Structures are given as structure tokens and as C-alpha cells.
Amino acid sequence: VLDNITIPCHPRQYEFSRLELHYTITSKRKLLQLVTEKHVSGWDDPRMPTISGMRRRGYTPEGIREFAKRIGVSKGENSVDMAVMEGAIREDLELRAPRVMAIINPLKVTITNADGALTREADFHPNVPELGKRVVPFGSELFIEADDFAEVPPAGWKRLTLGGEIRLRHSYVMRCDEAVKDAAGKVIELKCSIDHDTLGKNPEGRKVKGVIHFLSREHALPAEIRLYDRLFNVPEPDADREVDFCTHLNPDSLTVVQGWVEAAVRDAAPETCYQFERLGYFVTDRRDHQPGGKLVFNRTVTLKDSWAKEAGGA
């Protein structure tokens, strides 16, 4: 038809390839199989490469657009490492996400000289003052991450150990004086003391290198924390047509833990993003989170690309 009409120019058709992301799949037929076989909770499961899934995961529109800019458009087969997507999301959240503290694997700490200890205010974001401040409470009982204590520390250890000192984030320098164990020999509590002269300043005559985060046990709020990871444990799960791609599902793509968060997030609306300091970026779940009630956080992305580290050590 175009060859037999008198228009000065003909439209040109450009075709581009489908984007393939490593560690996931984009075939609608195979995504439907994941849903119908209940490998995921639905089309909006945060592990799914769907718009609703990415939204629930906490991926921002700005981060997705930046990812699209970085990879461009290709006419040939285009397979992109998931790290490129995660990097774009991570960089966007770094600029906008308020920072708070949360504990995923709590270890109880009793402060033996907490009398007279003061609370302190801290910025929600060190580079975005308009986000405001929040109070970081202190008390005689704290939670720290169990991974931040080692009875027999490895070489280069900069966190807490028996007889050692660390800085509590936005608070005092603390020394571990005693480790309490259960009948099986597992450390279940630490008895520690603080240097009252170190709130907001360095101790005199000694250098404390390590900094760990904490929560006041009295003020911390319980929360369901969903640790999402990549859906598959190989970069191209459907590369071998003779093997069911579901055999490559990552068994650790979702881990649900009961953790603790700062009281500052109590009334956060669904789809509010945060950086949990030293842990990663998280978002309040748009379906299950209840402000002032049941708190549910989905991990959007870790602070660093842990998969690159594993691949480098393989």
C-alpha cells in the first residue's frame, strides 16, 4: 500500500530485543508457572520482575529510569546483570531514604552503669537536613546484632569482644565486661559498661575504631522483616531447555525474621523507604504493613552487592 500512495516518505519500523535480567526470568509463560505452582505469592511478589512486584519490593521509579538509561536499547540479544539494576536502585535510595536502626538477630546487652545516661538526637539523613531528626533512646537494656560480638575474634575484628570497646551509633563508647551463656554454651547476654564522658565525643587517651548499631530494649518495636534475595541461584535459569528452570530456584530468596526497629518508624505509611543502618534498604509493605500496628518491612536491596563478593570467592 505504501508503495502506491503519494506520501513523501514512508514510516520506518525499528525493533529491539527483549531485556533479559540475570537471576530472574521475563517470559510471561514461565512467570505464570511460578505463580500457579506457588513458588511465589503472586504477580506482586517482591521477587517477581513485574511492575507490581518491583513496586512492592521498594524499587523507585527514578531508580528504574536510571537503570534504563544505563543499559540503553539494543537490537540484539540483551542480557543484563541484576547488579546493574540493584546498583541504580541503591544509588537512588542513598539520596532519599531516611536512616534508622533495626536489629534482625538480637543479642541482649545489660548496661551495668546506665544511671544518668542521656538520649541524643540524630539526623534522619546526614546530607538531607530537611528530613529532620529523631530521638535515639538509651536504656539499661539494649539489643545489638548477635553477629557484632565475637568471644574469640578473628584477625582484623573491629566490633565487640570480651574486654573490648566499641562506639554505639549516635551514643556512648561501651566496653564488654562479661558474657553470659546458657547450658549449651551459647552466649545469650552481655554485661557491659559505658564511658559517660563519650556522648558525642571521643574518649581521651585511647582510640576506639569500631561502631555498631543498637536499640533500647524498652523503646524498640517488634517488626516482621522479610529478607528478599534473588529468585534464582544461577544467572540464566532457563538457558538449558532440557532442564526445568524451577530446579534453579534460590531456597534463600525469602527469609522472614521477627526483628526490632526504632520507635521513629511506628507511624510510617505503606511504601515508605528506609535505610536500616549497616543492614540495607527496606520499605514498608504496601499490602500487610499497618502503621501503629503490625509493622512489616521488605528488604529492597543490600547496602553492597553480596553476590559479587560470593562470585569473586568462588
Protein backbone atom coordinates (compact mmCIF):
# COMPACT_ATOMS: atom_id res chain seq x y z
CA VAL A 1 0.00 0.00 0.00
CA LEU A 2 2.75 2.44 0.96
CA ASP A 3 4.41 1.95 -2.41
CA ASN A 4 1.26 3.03 -4.25
CA ILE A 5 0.28 6.19 -2.41
CA THR A 6 1.68 9.66 -2.84
CA ILE A 7 3.17 10.45 0.54
CA PRO A 8 6.66 11.92 0.52
CA CYS A 9 8.18 9.46 2.99
CA HIS A 10 7.46 6.09 4.46
CA PRO A 11 7.47 5.33 8.19
CA ARG A 12 10.33 3.15 9.34
CA GLN A 13 9.92 0.30 11.78
CA TYR A 14 12.55 -0.30 14.43
CA GLU A 15 12.62 -3.45 16.51
CA PHE A 16 14.51 -4.02 19.72
CA SER A 17 15.20 -7.13 21.74
CA ARG A 18 13.56 -8.17 24.97
CA LEU A 19 15.55 -7.28 28.05
CA GLU A 20 16.75 -10.32 29.97
CA LEU A 21 17.91 -9.90 33.56
CA HIS A 22 20.27 -12.32 35.23
CA TYR A 23 18.93 -14.33 38.19
CA THR A 24 15.32 -13.94 37.06
CA ILE A 25 13.10 -14.63 34.04
CA THR A 26 10.89 -12.38 31.93
CA SER A 27 8.85 -14.94 29.99
CA LYS A 28 5.17 -14.42 30.86
CA ARG A 29 4.50 -18.13 30.43
CA LYS A 30 7.20 -19.05 32.93
CA LEU A 31 6.21 -16.29 35.33
CA LEU A 32 2.67 -17.69 35.24
CA GLN A 33 4.11 -21.11 36.09
CA LEU A 34 5.82 -19.63 39.15
CA VAL A 35 2.50 -18.17 40.29
CA THR A 36 0.31 -21.21 39.60
CA GLU A 37 2.80 -23.61 41.22
CA LYS A 38 3.00 -21.23 44.22
CA HIS A 39 6.76 -20.73 44.07
CA VAL A 40 5.87 -17.07 44.69
CA SER A 41 2.90 -15.47 46.44
CA GLY A 42 1.50 -13.81 43.32
CA TRP A 43 2.23 -11.42 40.47
CA ASP A 44 3.14 -8.72 43.00
CA ASP A 45 5.58 -10.92 44.93
CA PRO A 46 8.63 -8.68 45.54
CA ARG A 47 10.87 -11.26 43.85
CA MET A 48 8.95 -11.03 40.56
CA PRO A 49 10.24 -8.82 37.69
CA THR A 50 6.80 -7.23 37.30
CA ILE A 51 5.88 -3.58 37.85
CA SER A 52 3.73 -4.53 40.85
CA GLY A 53 6.48 -6.79 42.22
CA MET A 54 9.16 -4.13 41.86
CA ARG A 55 6.90 -1.55 43.47
CA ARG A 56 6.23 -3.80 46.44
CA ARG A 57 9.97 -4.54 46.69
CA GLY A 58 10.61 -0.81 47.05
CA TYR A 59 12.16 -0.13 43.65
CA THR A 60 11.66 3.58 42.90
CA PRO A 61 10.54 4.96 39.51
CA GLU A 62 13.64 7.16 39.50
CA GLY A 63 15.90 4.17 40.08
CA ILE A 64 14.25 2.15 37.31
CA ARG A 65 14.58 5.06 34.87
CA GLU A 66 18.26 5.40 35.75
CA PHE A 67 18.71 1.68 35.10
CA ALA A 68 17.08 2.11 31.67
CA LYS A 69 19.44 4.97 30.85
CA ARG A 70 22.47 2.91 31.79
CA ILE A 71 21.67 -0.12 29.66
CA GLY A 72 20.24 1.67 26.62
CA VAL A 73 18.31 -0.07 23.83
CA SER A 74 19.71 -2.98 21.84
CA LYS A 75 18.56 -4.72 18.65
CA GLY A 76 20.46 -7.88 19.52
CA GLU A 77 20.01 -10.21 22.47
CA ASN A 78 20.42 -8.20 25.64
CA SER A 79 21.17 -9.89 28.96
CA VAL A 80 21.98 -7.60 31.87
CA ASP A 81 23.38 -8.49 35.27
CA MET A 82 20.90 -7.92 38.10
CA ALA A 83 23.67 -5.97 39.86
CA VAL A 84 23.17 -3.12 37.36
CA MET A 85 19.51 -2.80 38.35
CA GLU A 86 20.29 -3.13 42.06
CA GLY A 87 23.07 -0.55 41.75
CA ALA A 88 20.72 2.03 40.22
CA ILE A 89 18.10 1.43 42.92
CA ARG A 90 20.73 1.54 45.66
CA GLU A 91 22.13 4.86 44.45
CA ASP A 92 18.68 6.43 44.27
CA LEU A 93 17.71 5.27 47.76
CA GLU A 94 21.04 6.50 49.13
CA LEU A 95 19.89 10.03 48.26
CA ARG A 96 16.34 9.85 49.63
CA ALA A 97 15.89 7.13 52.27
CA PRO A 98 15.80 8.22 55.95
CA ARG A 99 18.26 6.26 58.10
CA VAL A 100 17.17 4.40 61.20
CA MET A 101 18.41 1.43 63.20
CA ALA A 102 16.96 -2.07 63.28
CA ILE A 103 18.03 -5.39 64.77
CA ILE A 104 17.47 -8.64 62.88
CA ASN A 105 19.29 -11.12 65.13
CA PRO A 106 19.12 -9.63 68.65
CA LEU A 107 21.58 -10.20 71.47
CA LYS A 108 20.63 -8.71 74.84
CA VAL A 109 23.04 -6.25 76.45
CA THR A 110 22.71 -5.12 80.07
CA ILE A 111 24.40 -1.80 80.90
CA THR A 112 25.60 -2.03 84.48
CA ASN A 113 26.18 1.72 84.91
CA ALA A 114 23.29 3.17 82.90
CA ASP A 115 22.16 5.57 85.65
CA GLY A 116 22.38 9.12 84.35
CA ALA A 117 22.78 8.07 80.71
CA LEU A 118 21.32 10.53 78.23
CA THR A 119 19.45 10.15 74.97
CA ARG A 120 20.53 12.03 71.89
CA GLU A 121 19.02 13.33 68.68
CA ALA A 122 20.28 12.10 65.32
CA ASP A 123 19.62 13.19 61.74
CA PHE A 124 17.41 11.00 59.58
CA HIS A 125 19.92 11.64 56.79
CA PRO A 126 23.37 13.25 57.19
CA ASN A 127 23.13 15.01 53.82
CA VAL A 128 19.41 15.86 53.75
CA PRO A 129 18.70 18.04 56.81
CA GLU A 130 15.14 18.72 55.65
CA LEU A 131 14.25 15.12 56.57
CA GLY A 132 14.58 16.22 60.19
CA LYS A 133 15.81 14.46 63.31
CA ARG A 134 14.67 11.71 65.62
CA VAL A 135 15.46 10.79 69.22
CA VAL A 136 17.76 7.79 69.77
CA PRO A 137 16.75 6.47 73.22
CA PHE A 138 19.21 4.80 75.59
CA GLY A 139 18.46 2.47 78.50
CA SER A 140 19.82 -0.14 80.88
CA GLU A 141 18.93 -2.94 78.45
CA LEU A 142 19.85 -2.86 74.78
CA PHE A 143 19.72 -5.05 71.70
CA ILE A 144 22.70 -5.42 69.39
CA GLU A 145 23.19 -7.73 66.43
CA ALA A 146 24.49 -11.10 67.61
CA ASP A 147 26.97 -11.01 64.71
CA ASP A 148 28.57 -7.90 66.22
CA PHE A 149 30.02 -9.89 69.14
CA ALA A 150 32.78 -12.49 68.97
CA GLU A 151 34.12 -14.26 72.03
CA VAL A 152 37.19 -15.30 70.04
CA PRO A 153 37.51 -12.61 67.36
CA PRO A 154 39.19 -13.27 64.01
CA ALA A 155 42.11 -11.17 62.82
CA GLY A 156 41.09 -7.61 61.97
CA TRP A 157 37.90 -7.74 64.06
CA LYS A 158 36.62 -4.20 64.78
CA ARG A 159 33.41 -5.00 66.58
CA LEU A 160 32.67 -6.07 70.15
CA THR A 161 34.63 -8.70 72.05
CA LEU A 162 35.11 -9.60 75.70
CA GLY A 163 37.11 -6.82 77.34
CA GLY A 164 36.96 -4.70 74.19
CA GLU A 165 35.36 -1.35 73.45
CA ILE A 166 33.20 -0.11 70.59
CA ARG A 167 31.21 3.01 69.84
CA LEU A 168 27.43 2.65 69.91
CA ARG A 169 25.98 4.53 66.93
CA HIS A 170 24.88 8.05 67.97
CA SER A 171 25.73 7.20 71.59
CA TYR A 172 28.42 6.16 74.08
CA VAL A 173 31.59 4.11 73.97
CA MET A 174 30.76 0.72 75.52
CA ARG A 175 33.01 -1.98 76.99
CA CYS A 176 32.03 -5.65 77.27
CA ASP A 177 32.81 -6.93 80.78
CA GLU A 178 31.09 -10.33 80.85
CA ALA A 179 29.39 -12.83 78.53
CA VAL A 180 26.51 -14.87 79.97
CA LYS A 181 25.92 -18.30 78.42
CA ASP A 182 23.14 -20.86 78.51
CA ALA A 183 23.55 -24.54 79.38
CA ALA A 184 24.67 -25.30 75.82
CA GLY A 185 27.43 -22.71 75.96
CA LYS A 186 25.71 -20.18 73.70
CA VAL A 187 26.14 -16.50 74.58
CA ILE A 188 22.69 -15.15 75.47
CA GLU A 189 23.55 -11.87 77.20
CA LEU A 190 26.40 -9.41 77.56
CA LYS A 191 27.06 -7.31 80.63
CA CYS A 192 28.67 -4.06 79.59
CA SER A 193 29.56 -0.62 80.89
CA ILE A 194 29.62 2.76 79.16
CA ASP A 195 32.02 5.67 79.41
CA HIS A 196 29.71 8.53 80.40
CA ASP A 197 32.19 11.09 79.09
CA THR A 198 31.95 9.90 75.48
CA LEU A 199 28.48 11.02 74.36
CA GLY A 200 29.16 12.94 71.18
CA LYS A 201 32.93 12.97 71.64
CA ASN A 202 35.94 10.67 71.55
CA PRO A 203 37.45 9.17 74.73
CA GLU A 204 40.69 10.65 75.98
CA GLY A 205 43.92 8.68 75.74
CA ARG A 206 42.62 5.82 73.61
CA LYS A 207 41.21 5.17 70.16
CA VAL A 208 38.00 3.22 69.60
CA LYS A 209 37.73 2.04 65.99
CA GLY A 210 34.54 0.01 65.77
CA VAL A 211 30.99 1.39 65.54
CA ILE A 212 27.88 -0.80 65.84
CA HIS A 213 24.18 -0.01 65.90
CA PHE A 214 21.81 -0.79 68.78
CA LEU A 215 18.28 -0.34 70.08
CA SER A 216 16.98 0.41 73.54
CA ARG A 217 15.02 -2.69 74.52
CA GLU A 218 12.38 -0.61 76.29
CA HIS A 219 11.67 1.58 73.27
CA ALA A 220 12.19 -0.84 70.36
CA LEU A 221 9.18 -2.02 68.36
CA PRO A 222 8.69 -5.60 67.10
CA ALA A 223 8.53 -5.93 63.33
CA GLU A 224 8.27 -8.61 60.69
CA ILE A 225 11.29 -8.24 58.43
CA ARG A 226 11.27 -10.01 55.08
CA LEU A 227 14.74 -10.53 53.68
CA TYR A 228 14.28 -10.84 49.93
CA ASP A 229 17.09 -12.01 47.67
CA ARG A 230 17.44 -13.06 44.04
CA LEU A 231 14.81 -15.52 42.86
CA PHE A 232 17.27 -17.93 41.20
CA ASN A 233 20.76 -19.05 42.17
CA VAL A 234 22.17 -19.10 38.62
CA PRO A 235 22.39 -16.15 36.19
CA GLU A 236 20.37 -17.76 33.36
CA PRO A 237 17.90 -20.23 34.90
CA ASP A 238 16.20 -21.09 31.60
CA ALA A 239 19.34 -21.39 29.45
CA ASP A 240 19.10 -25.19 29.30
CA ARG A 241 15.79 -26.06 27.65
CA GLU A 242 16.14 -29.69 28.76
CA VAL A 243 16.11 -28.77 32.47
CA ASP A 244 13.14 -27.36 34.36
CA PHE A 245 14.09 -23.79 35.27
CA CYS A 246 12.40 -24.24 38.66
CA THR A 247 15.26 -26.52 39.74
CA HIS A 248 17.38 -23.35 39.93
CA LEU A 249 15.10 -21.53 42.37
CA ASN A 250 17.05 -19.94 45.21
CA PRO A 251 15.86 -21.54 48.50
CA ASP A 252 17.03 -18.42 50.34
CA SER A 253 15.18 -15.92 48.14
CA LEU A 254 12.92 -15.13 51.12
CA THR A 255 13.74 -15.35 54.81
CA VAL A 256 11.24 -13.95 57.32
CA VAL A 257 12.55 -12.89 60.73
CA GLN A 258 10.99 -11.25 63.75
CA GLY A 259 13.20 -8.26 64.44
CA TRP A 260 13.11 -4.90 66.17
CA VAL A 261 13.03 -1.34 64.83
CA GLU A 262 13.28 2.20 66.14
CA ALA A 263 10.14 3.81 67.55
CA ALA A 264 10.62 6.57 64.96
CA VAL A 265 9.08 4.32 62.26
CA ARG A 266 5.94 3.44 64.27
CA ASP A 267 3.55 5.50 62.12
CA ALA A 268 5.26 5.06 58.75
CA ALA A 269 2.78 4.72 55.90
CA PRO A 270 2.91 1.76 53.50
CA GLU A 271 5.58 2.13 50.78
CA THR A 272 7.86 4.27 52.95
CA CYS A 273 11.53 3.52 52.30
CA TYR A 274 14.30 3.49 54.91
CA GLN A 275 17.92 2.62 55.19
CA PHE A 276 18.39 0.26 58.14
CA GLU A 277 21.90 1.29 59.09
CA ARG A 278 24.52 -1.37 58.29
CA LEU A 279 21.79 -3.75 57.04
CA GLY A 280 20.34 -2.44 53.78
CA TYR A 281 17.40 -0.58 52.26
CA PHE A 282 13.88 -1.57 53.30
CA VAL A 283 10.33 -0.50 52.51
CA THR A 284 7.10 -0.85 54.47
CA ASP A 285 4.96 -3.46 52.71
CA ARG A 286 2.13 -1.91 50.71
CA ARG A 287 -0.24 -4.79 51.49
CA ASP A 288 0.49 -6.09 55.00
CA HIS A 289 2.08 -3.17 56.88
CA GLN A 290 -0.18 -1.43 59.42
CA PRO A 291 1.01 1.97 60.72
CA GLY A 292 0.98 1.95 64.51
CA GLY A 293 0.15 -1.77 64.48
CA LYS A 294 1.79 -4.69 62.72
CA LEU A 295 5.00 -3.40 61.15
CA VAL A 296 6.19 -5.24 58.04
CA PHE A 297 9.37 -4.34 56.14
CA ASN A 298 10.62 -5.77 52.85
CA ARG A 299 14.30 -5.66 52.03
CA THR A 300 14.71 -3.76 48.78
CA VAL A 301 18.44 -4.21 48.32
CA THR A 302 21.52 -4.77 50.47
CA LEU A 303 24.00 -1.97 51.12
CA LYS A 304 26.57 -3.73 48.94
CA ASP A 305 26.44 -6.34 46.19
CA SER A 306 26.88 -9.53 48.25
CA TRP A 307 26.52 -11.71 45.13
CA ALA A 308 29.61 -10.12 43.56
CA LYS A 309 31.59 -11.00 46.69
CA GLU A 310 30.41 -14.62 46.54
CA ALA A 311 31.23 -14.86 42.84
CA GLY A 312 34.68 -13.44 43.45
CA GLY A 313 35.36 -16.04 46.12
CA ALA A 314 34.08 -18.94 44.02
